[in-house]
């Protein structure tokens, strides 16, 4: 039996199909509980394109696909259940470098990246502001 998609996964699918509202997508991300894998007490992240991406998943099925792709399905994978708003408002700024949120990265056709820009992360850490250009946008 296939699990129903979360509302966030539906908004991502709409956006990828070119029919979604970007503001509604960001709002849904902020309201959604996301699963962030952790290893040795640290949240899973990856670097790409000069950005640290906190990796999060819309449900346990999406998280399991990630674990399988990474060869991590031989043991239980620890994870934190966090509101998207907490990730982008608190965790991203604490990383001390340009950071964003990557959702459902194991799903080639269902992933979405929320970059470190104004409207997604706090202005003080957004890379598209004057503060970031002056070196203040790297977190504190």
N, C-alpha and C. Protein backbone atom coordinates (compact mmCIF):
# COMPACT_ATOMS: atom_id res chain seq x y z
N UNK A 1 0.84 -1.18 0.00
CA UNK A 1 0.00 0.00 0.00
C UNK A 1 0.88 1.24 0.00
N UNK A 2 0.66 2.14 -0.94
CA UNK A 2 1.46 3.34 -1.06
C UNK A 2 0.98 4.41 -0.08
N UNK A 3 1.93 5.06 0.57
CA UNK A 3 1.61 6.10 1.54
C UNK A 3 1.20 7.37 0.80
N UNK A 4 0.20 8.06 1.33
CA UNK A 4 -0.24 9.33 0.75
C UNK A 4 0.86 10.36 0.93
N UNK A 5 0.98 11.26 -0.04
CA UNK A 5 1.97 12.33 0.06
C UNK A 5 1.57 13.32 1.14
N UNK A 6 2.58 13.94 1.73
CA UNK A 6 2.31 15.02 2.66
C UNK A 6 1.90 16.25 1.86
N UNK A 7 1.33 17.23 2.55
CA UNK A 7 0.93 18.46 1.87
C UNK A 7 2.17 19.13 1.27
N UNK A 8 3.29 19.13 1.98
CA UNK A 8 4.50 19.73 1.44
C UNK A 8 4.94 19.00 0.17
N UNK A 9 4.90 17.69 0.17
CA UNK A 9 5.28 16.94 -1.03
C UNK A 9 4.36 17.29 -2.19
N UNK A 10 3.09 17.51 -1.92
CA UNK A 10 2.15 17.94 -2.97
C UNK A 10 2.52 19.33 -3.51
N UNK A 11 2.86 20.26 -2.61
CA UNK A 11 3.25 21.61 -3.04
C UNK A 11 4.54 21.57 -3.87
N UNK A 12 5.46 20.70 -3.49
CA UNK A 12 6.70 20.54 -4.25
C UNK A 12 6.37 20.02 -5.65
N UNK A 13 5.51 19.02 -5.73
CA UNK A 13 5.12 18.46 -7.04
C UNK A 13 4.46 19.55 -7.91
N UNK A 14 3.61 20.37 -7.33
CA UNK A 14 2.97 21.45 -8.08
C UNK A 14 4.03 22.42 -8.61
N UNK A 15 4.96 22.81 -7.75
CA UNK A 15 6.00 23.76 -8.15
C UNK A 15 6.85 23.18 -9.27
N UNK A 16 7.22 21.92 -9.13
CA UNK A 16 8.04 21.28 -10.16
C UNK A 16 7.29 21.16 -11.48
N UNK A 17 5.96 21.08 -11.42
CA UNK A 17 5.14 21.00 -12.63
C UNK A 17 4.86 22.38 -13.22
N UNK A 18 5.32 23.42 -12.51
CA UNK A 18 5.14 24.78 -13.01
C UNK A 18 3.80 25.40 -12.72
N UNK A 19 3.02 24.79 -11.82
CA UNK A 19 1.70 25.33 -11.52
C UNK A 19 1.56 25.78 -10.06
N UNK A 20 2.60 25.69 -9.28
CA UNK A 20 2.52 26.03 -7.86
C UNK A 20 2.80 27.50 -7.60
N UNK A 21 2.42 27.92 -6.43
CA UNK A 21 2.68 29.27 -5.94
C UNK A 21 3.91 29.20 -5.03
N UNK A 22 5.00 29.86 -5.40
CA UNK A 22 6.22 29.77 -4.59
C UNK A 22 6.01 30.21 -3.14
N UNK A 23 5.18 31.21 -2.91
CA UNK A 23 4.94 31.66 -1.53
C UNK A 23 4.20 30.59 -0.73
N UNK A 24 3.25 29.92 -1.38
CA UNK A 24 2.53 28.84 -0.70
C UNK A 24 3.48 27.69 -0.38
N UNK A 25 4.41 27.42 -1.27
CA UNK A 25 5.39 26.37 -1.05
C UNK A 25 6.26 26.69 0.17
N UNK A 26 6.78 27.91 0.23
CA UNK A 26 7.61 28.31 1.37
C UNK A 26 6.79 28.27 2.65
N UNK A 27 5.56 28.75 2.60
CA UNK A 27 4.70 28.71 3.79
C UNK A 27 4.45 27.30 4.27
N UNK A 28 4.20 26.40 3.34
CA UNK A 28 3.97 25.00 3.71
C UNK A 28 5.23 24.37 4.28
N UNK A 29 6.39 24.70 3.70
CA UNK A 29 7.66 24.19 4.24
C UNK A 29 7.81 24.65 5.69
N UNK A 30 7.52 25.90 5.97
CA UNK A 30 7.68 26.44 7.32
C UNK A 30 6.74 25.75 8.32
N UNK A 31 5.55 25.37 7.88
CA UNK A 31 4.55 24.73 8.76
C UNK A 31 4.74 23.23 8.91
N UNK A 32 5.50 22.63 8.04
CA UNK A 32 5.63 21.17 8.00
C UNK A 32 6.65 20.65 9.00
N UNK A 33 6.34 19.50 9.56
CA UNK A 33 7.31 18.77 10.37
C UNK A 33 8.15 17.96 9.40
N UNK A 34 9.45 18.17 9.45
CA UNK A 34 10.38 17.48 8.56
C UNK A 34 11.28 16.56 9.39
N UNK A 35 11.70 15.49 8.77
CA UNK A 35 12.58 14.53 9.43
C UNK A 35 14.00 14.76 8.95
N UNK A 36 14.88 15.08 9.90
CA UNK A 36 16.28 15.36 9.58
C UNK A 36 17.15 14.27 10.18
N UNK A 37 17.80 13.46 9.33
CA UNK A 37 18.65 12.39 9.87
C UNK A 37 19.78 12.97 10.71
N UNK A 38 20.18 12.19 11.70
CA UNK A 38 21.31 12.62 12.53
C UNK A 38 22.28 11.46 12.70
N UNK A 39 23.54 11.82 12.72
CA UNK A 39 24.61 10.85 12.92
C UNK A 39 25.51 11.40 14.02
N UNK A 40 25.72 10.61 15.03
CA UNK A 40 26.54 11.02 16.18
C UNK A 40 26.03 12.34 16.77
N UNK A 41 24.71 12.51 16.81
CA UNK A 41 24.12 13.70 17.41
C UNK A 41 24.13 14.94 16.55
N UNK A 42 24.62 14.84 15.32
CA UNK A 42 24.68 16.01 14.43
C UNK A 42 23.71 15.81 13.28
N UNK A 43 23.01 16.88 12.91
CA UNK A 43 22.07 16.81 11.81
C UNK A 43 22.81 16.61 10.50
N UNK A 44 22.24 15.81 9.63
CA UNK A 44 22.85 15.49 8.35
C UNK A 44 22.81 16.71 7.44
N UNK A 45 23.93 17.03 6.85
CA UNK A 45 24.00 18.10 5.86
C UNK A 45 25.04 17.73 4.81
N UNK A 46 24.98 18.45 3.71
CA UNK A 46 25.92 18.22 2.61
C UNK A 46 26.31 19.55 2.02
N UNK A 47 27.51 19.64 1.48
CA UNK A 47 27.97 20.85 0.80
C UNK A 47 27.81 20.69 -0.70
N UNK A 48 27.32 21.73 -1.33
CA UNK A 48 27.23 21.76 -2.79
C UNK A 48 27.08 23.21 -3.23
N UNK A 49 27.88 23.60 -4.21
CA UNK A 49 27.77 24.95 -4.75
C UNK A 49 28.08 26.05 -3.76
N UNK A 50 28.94 25.79 -2.79
CA UNK A 50 29.30 26.79 -1.79
C UNK A 50 28.25 26.97 -0.71
N UNK A 51 27.29 26.06 -0.63
CA UNK A 51 26.22 26.14 0.36
C UNK A 51 26.18 24.83 1.14
N UNK A 52 25.96 24.94 2.44
CA UNK A 52 25.70 23.76 3.26
C UNK A 52 24.18 23.55 3.23
N UNK A 53 23.77 22.37 2.85
CA UNK A 53 22.35 22.04 2.76
C UNK A 53 21.96 21.10 3.89
N UNK A 54 21.06 21.54 4.77
CA UNK A 54 20.48 20.66 5.77
C UNK A 54 19.51 19.76 5.03
N UNK A 55 19.68 18.46 5.16
CA UNK A 55 18.86 17.49 4.43
C UNK A 55 17.68 17.06 5.30
N UNK A 56 16.47 17.21 4.75
CA UNK A 56 15.26 16.88 5.50
C UNK A 56 14.30 16.12 4.59
N UNK A 57 13.37 15.42 5.21
CA UNK A 57 12.47 14.55 4.46
C UNK A 57 11.04 14.74 4.93
N UNK A 58 10.12 14.62 3.99
CA UNK A 58 8.71 14.88 4.28
C UNK A 58 8.05 13.76 5.06
N UNK A 59 8.59 12.56 5.00
CA UNK A 59 8.00 11.44 5.75
C UNK A 59 9.04 10.33 5.88
N UNK A 60 8.68 9.30 6.63
CA UNK A 60 9.62 8.20 6.87
C UNK A 60 9.94 7.41 5.61
N UNK A 61 9.01 7.36 4.67
CA UNK A 61 9.26 6.65 3.41
C UNK A 61 10.36 7.35 2.62
N UNK A 62 10.28 8.67 2.53
CA UNK A 62 11.31 9.44 1.83
C UNK A 62 12.65 9.32 2.55
N UNK A 63 12.63 9.32 3.87
CA UNK A 63 13.86 9.15 4.65
C UNK A 63 14.45 7.76 4.41
N UNK A 64 13.60 6.74 4.33
CA UNK A 64 14.08 5.37 4.09
C UNK A 64 14.73 5.25 2.71
N UNK A 65 14.18 5.93 1.70
CA UNK A 65 14.80 5.90 0.36
C UNK A 65 16.20 6.51 0.42
N UNK A 66 16.35 7.59 1.16
CA UNK A 66 17.64 8.24 1.34
C UNK A 66 18.62 7.27 2.01
N UNK A 67 18.19 6.63 3.09
CA UNK A 67 19.06 5.70 3.81
C UNK A 67 19.48 4.55 2.91
N UNK A 68 18.55 4.04 2.11
CA UNK A 68 18.87 2.95 1.20
C UNK A 68 19.89 3.39 0.15
N UNK A 69 19.70 4.56 -0.43
CA UNK A 69 20.65 5.06 -1.44
C UNK A 69 22.04 5.25 -0.86
N UNK A 70 22.12 5.60 0.41
CA UNK A 70 23.40 5.84 1.09
C UNK A 70 23.99 4.58 1.70
N UNK A 71 23.29 3.43 1.54
CA UNK A 71 23.77 2.20 2.14
C UNK A 71 23.70 2.21 3.65
N UNK A 72 22.75 2.96 4.18
CA UNK A 72 22.63 3.12 5.63
C UNK A 72 21.43 2.36 6.18
N UNK A 73 20.88 1.42 5.43
CA UNK A 73 19.67 0.74 5.87
C UNK A 73 19.95 -0.54 6.65
N UNK A 74 21.20 -0.76 7.05
CA UNK A 74 21.53 -1.96 7.83
C UNK A 74 21.28 -1.75 9.32
N UNK A 75 21.03 -0.52 9.72
CA UNK A 75 20.74 -0.22 11.12
C UNK A 75 19.73 0.93 11.18
N UNK A 76 19.05 1.07 12.30
CA UNK A 76 18.08 2.17 12.40
C UNK A 76 18.78 3.53 12.25
N UNK A 77 18.13 4.41 11.54
CA UNK A 77 18.67 5.75 11.32
C UNK A 77 17.99 6.70 12.29
N UNK A 78 18.79 7.37 13.09
CA UNK A 78 18.24 8.37 14.01
C UNK A 78 17.85 9.61 13.23
N UNK A 79 16.83 10.28 13.70
CA UNK A 79 16.42 11.54 13.07
C UNK A 79 15.70 12.41 14.07
N UNK A 80 15.69 13.70 13.76
CA UNK A 80 14.96 14.68 14.54
C UNK A 80 13.75 15.12 13.73
N UNK A 81 12.61 15.29 14.37
CA UNK A 81 11.41 15.81 13.73
C UNK A 81 11.32 17.28 14.09
N UNK A 82 11.51 18.13 13.09
CA UNK A 82 11.59 19.58 13.32
C UNK A 82 10.68 20.33 12.37
N UNK A 83 10.11 21.41 12.85
CA UNK A 83 9.36 22.29 11.96
C UNK A 83 10.31 22.92 10.95
N UNK A 84 9.87 23.04 9.72
CA UNK A 84 10.68 23.70 8.71
C UNK A 84 11.09 25.09 9.15
N UNK A 85 10.19 25.81 9.81
CA UNK A 85 10.51 27.16 10.29
C UNK A 85 11.69 27.13 11.26
N UNK A 86 11.74 26.13 12.11
CA UNK A 86 12.86 26.04 13.06
C UNK A 86 14.17 25.79 12.33
N UNK A 87 14.11 24.96 11.30
CA UNK A 87 15.32 24.67 10.54
C UNK A 87 15.86 25.94 9.89
N UNK A 88 15.00 26.67 9.16
CA UNK A 88 15.50 27.84 8.42
C UNK A 88 15.70 29.07 9.31
N UNK A 89 14.97 29.18 10.41
CA UNK A 89 15.10 30.36 11.28
C UNK A 89 16.14 30.22 12.38
N UNK A 90 16.41 28.98 12.83
CA UNK A 90 17.33 28.77 13.94
C UNK A 90 18.57 27.96 13.56
N UNK A 91 18.36 26.83 12.92
CA UNK A 91 19.49 25.95 12.63
C UNK A 91 20.37 26.52 11.53
N UNK A 92 19.77 26.93 10.42
CA UNK A 92 20.56 27.49 9.31
C UNK A 92 21.43 28.66 9.78
N UNK A 93 20.90 29.64 10.52
CA UNK A 93 21.76 30.74 10.95
C UNK A 93 22.88 30.32 11.89
N UNK A 94 22.69 29.23 12.62
CA UNK A 94 23.71 28.78 13.57
C UNK A 94 24.89 28.08 12.91
N UNK A 95 24.79 27.78 11.62
CA UNK A 95 25.84 27.00 10.96
C UNK A 95 27.09 27.81 10.62
N UNK A 96 26.96 29.13 10.60
CA UNK A 96 28.14 29.96 10.39
C UNK A 96 28.64 30.03 8.97
N UNK A 97 27.83 29.63 8.03
CA UNK A 97 28.19 29.69 6.62
C UNK A 97 26.90 29.72 5.81
N UNK A 98 26.96 30.07 4.52
CA UNK A 98 25.72 30.06 3.72
C UNK A 98 25.10 28.67 3.77
N UNK A 99 23.83 28.61 4.17
CA UNK A 99 23.16 27.32 4.33
C UNK A 99 21.69 27.44 3.93
N UNK A 100 21.17 26.33 3.45
CA UNK A 100 19.77 26.25 3.06
C UNK A 100 19.22 24.90 3.44
N UNK A 101 18.02 24.63 2.94
CA UNK A 101 17.31 23.40 3.27
C UNK A 101 17.06 22.61 1.99
N UNK A 102 17.44 21.34 1.99
CA UNK A 102 17.19 20.44 0.86
C UNK A 102 16.18 19.39 1.33
N UNK A 103 15.06 19.29 0.62
CA UNK A 103 13.97 18.40 1.03
C UNK A 103 13.85 17.24 0.04
N UNK A 104 13.74 16.05 0.59
CA UNK A 104 13.52 14.82 -0.18
C UNK A 104 14.54 14.62 -1.30
N UNK A 105 15.81 14.74 -0.97
CA UNK A 105 16.87 14.68 -1.98
C UNK A 105 17.03 13.30 -2.60
N UNK A 106 16.45 12.28 -2.01
CA UNK A 106 16.55 10.94 -2.60
C UNK A 106 15.52 10.74 -3.70
N UNK A 107 14.63 11.68 -3.88
CA UNK A 107 13.58 11.59 -4.89
C UNK A 107 13.90 12.55 -6.04
N UNK A 108 14.49 12.03 -7.08
CA UNK A 108 14.94 12.87 -8.19
C UNK A 108 13.83 13.79 -8.72
N UNK A 109 12.62 13.28 -8.79
CA UNK A 109 11.51 14.08 -9.31
C UNK A 109 10.70 14.75 -8.22
N UNK A 110 11.11 14.62 -6.96
CA UNK A 110 10.32 15.18 -5.87
C UNK A 110 11.10 16.03 -4.90
N UNK A 111 12.35 16.32 -5.23
CA UNK A 111 13.18 17.11 -4.31
C UNK A 111 12.93 18.59 -4.52
N UNK A 112 13.28 19.37 -3.49
CA UNK A 112 13.17 20.82 -3.58
C UNK A 112 14.24 21.43 -2.69
N UNK A 113 14.88 22.47 -3.19
CA UNK A 113 15.91 23.18 -2.45
C UNK A 113 15.39 24.56 -2.08
N UNK A 114 15.58 24.92 -0.81
CA UNK A 114 15.21 26.22 -0.30
C UNK A 114 16.52 26.94 0.01
N UNK A 115 16.98 27.80 -0.90
CA UNK A 115 18.31 28.40 -0.78
C UNK A 115 18.38 29.48 0.29
N UNK A 116 19.59 29.88 0.65
CA UNK A 116 19.78 30.89 1.69
C UNK A 116 19.55 32.31 1.14
N UNK A 117 18.30 32.60 0.79
CA UNK A 117 17.95 33.91 0.25
C UNK A 117 16.83 34.53 1.08
N UNK A 118 16.69 35.85 0.92
CA UNK A 118 15.63 36.59 1.60
C UNK A 118 14.28 35.97 1.29
N UNK A 119 13.47 35.83 2.32
CA UNK A 119 12.16 35.21 2.18
C UNK A 119 12.15 33.76 2.57
N UNK A 120 13.33 33.18 2.67
CA UNK A 120 13.43 31.79 3.12
C UNK A 120 14.19 31.72 4.44
N UNK A 121 15.35 32.33 4.50
CA UNK A 121 16.14 32.37 5.73
C UNK A 121 16.13 33.80 6.27
N UNK A 122 16.51 34.00 7.53
CA UNK A 122 16.56 35.37 8.07
C UNK A 122 17.48 36.27 7.25
N UNK A 123 17.12 37.53 7.16
CA UNK A 123 17.87 38.51 6.35
C UNK A 123 19.35 38.52 6.72
N UNK A 124 19.67 38.39 7.98
CA UNK A 124 21.07 38.45 8.42
C UNK A 124 21.96 37.35 7.87
N UNK A 125 21.38 36.25 7.39
CA UNK A 125 22.18 35.16 6.85
C UNK A 125 21.87 34.89 5.38
N UNK A 126 20.98 35.68 4.80
CA UNK A 126 20.65 35.53 3.38
C UNK A 126 21.82 36.01 2.54
N UNK A 127 22.13 35.31 1.47
CA UNK A 127 23.28 35.67 0.63
C UNK A 127 22.93 36.74 -0.40
N UNK A 128 21.68 37.13 -0.49
CA UNK A 128 21.28 38.13 -1.48
C UNK A 128 21.00 39.50 -0.86
N UNK A 129 21.62 39.77 0.28
CA UNK A 129 21.44 41.07 0.95
C UNK A 129 22.78 41.78 1.06
N UNK A 130 22.72 43.07 1.34
CA UNK A 130 23.95 43.84 1.56
C UNK A 130 24.72 43.32 2.76
N UNK A 131 24.00 42.88 3.79
CA UNK A 131 24.67 42.36 4.98
C UNK A 131 25.53 41.16 4.62
N UNK A 132 25.03 40.28 3.75
CA UNK A 132 25.81 39.11 3.34
C UNK A 132 27.04 39.54 2.56
N UNK A 133 26.89 40.54 1.68
CA UNK A 133 28.02 41.00 0.88
C UNK A 133 29.10 41.63 1.73
N UNK A 134 28.72 42.20 2.89
CA UNK A 134 29.69 42.82 3.78
C UNK A 134 30.30 41.82 4.74
N UNK A 135 29.93 40.55 4.60
CA UNK A 135 30.51 39.52 5.46
C UNK A 135 29.69 39.22 6.69
N UNK A 136 28.51 39.83 6.83
CA UNK A 136 27.68 39.56 7.98
C UNK A 136 26.66 38.47 7.71
N UNK A 137 26.57 37.98 6.50
CA UNK A 137 25.57 36.98 6.14
C UNK A 137 26.05 35.56 6.26
N UNK A 138 27.01 35.32 7.07
CA UNK A 138 27.57 33.99 7.21
C UNK A 138 27.14 33.32 8.51
N UNK A 139 26.18 33.87 9.20
CA UNK A 139 25.75 33.31 10.47
C UNK A 139 26.55 33.93 11.61
N UNK A 140 26.07 33.73 12.80
CA UNK A 140 26.74 34.35 13.96
C UNK A 140 26.99 33.32 15.03
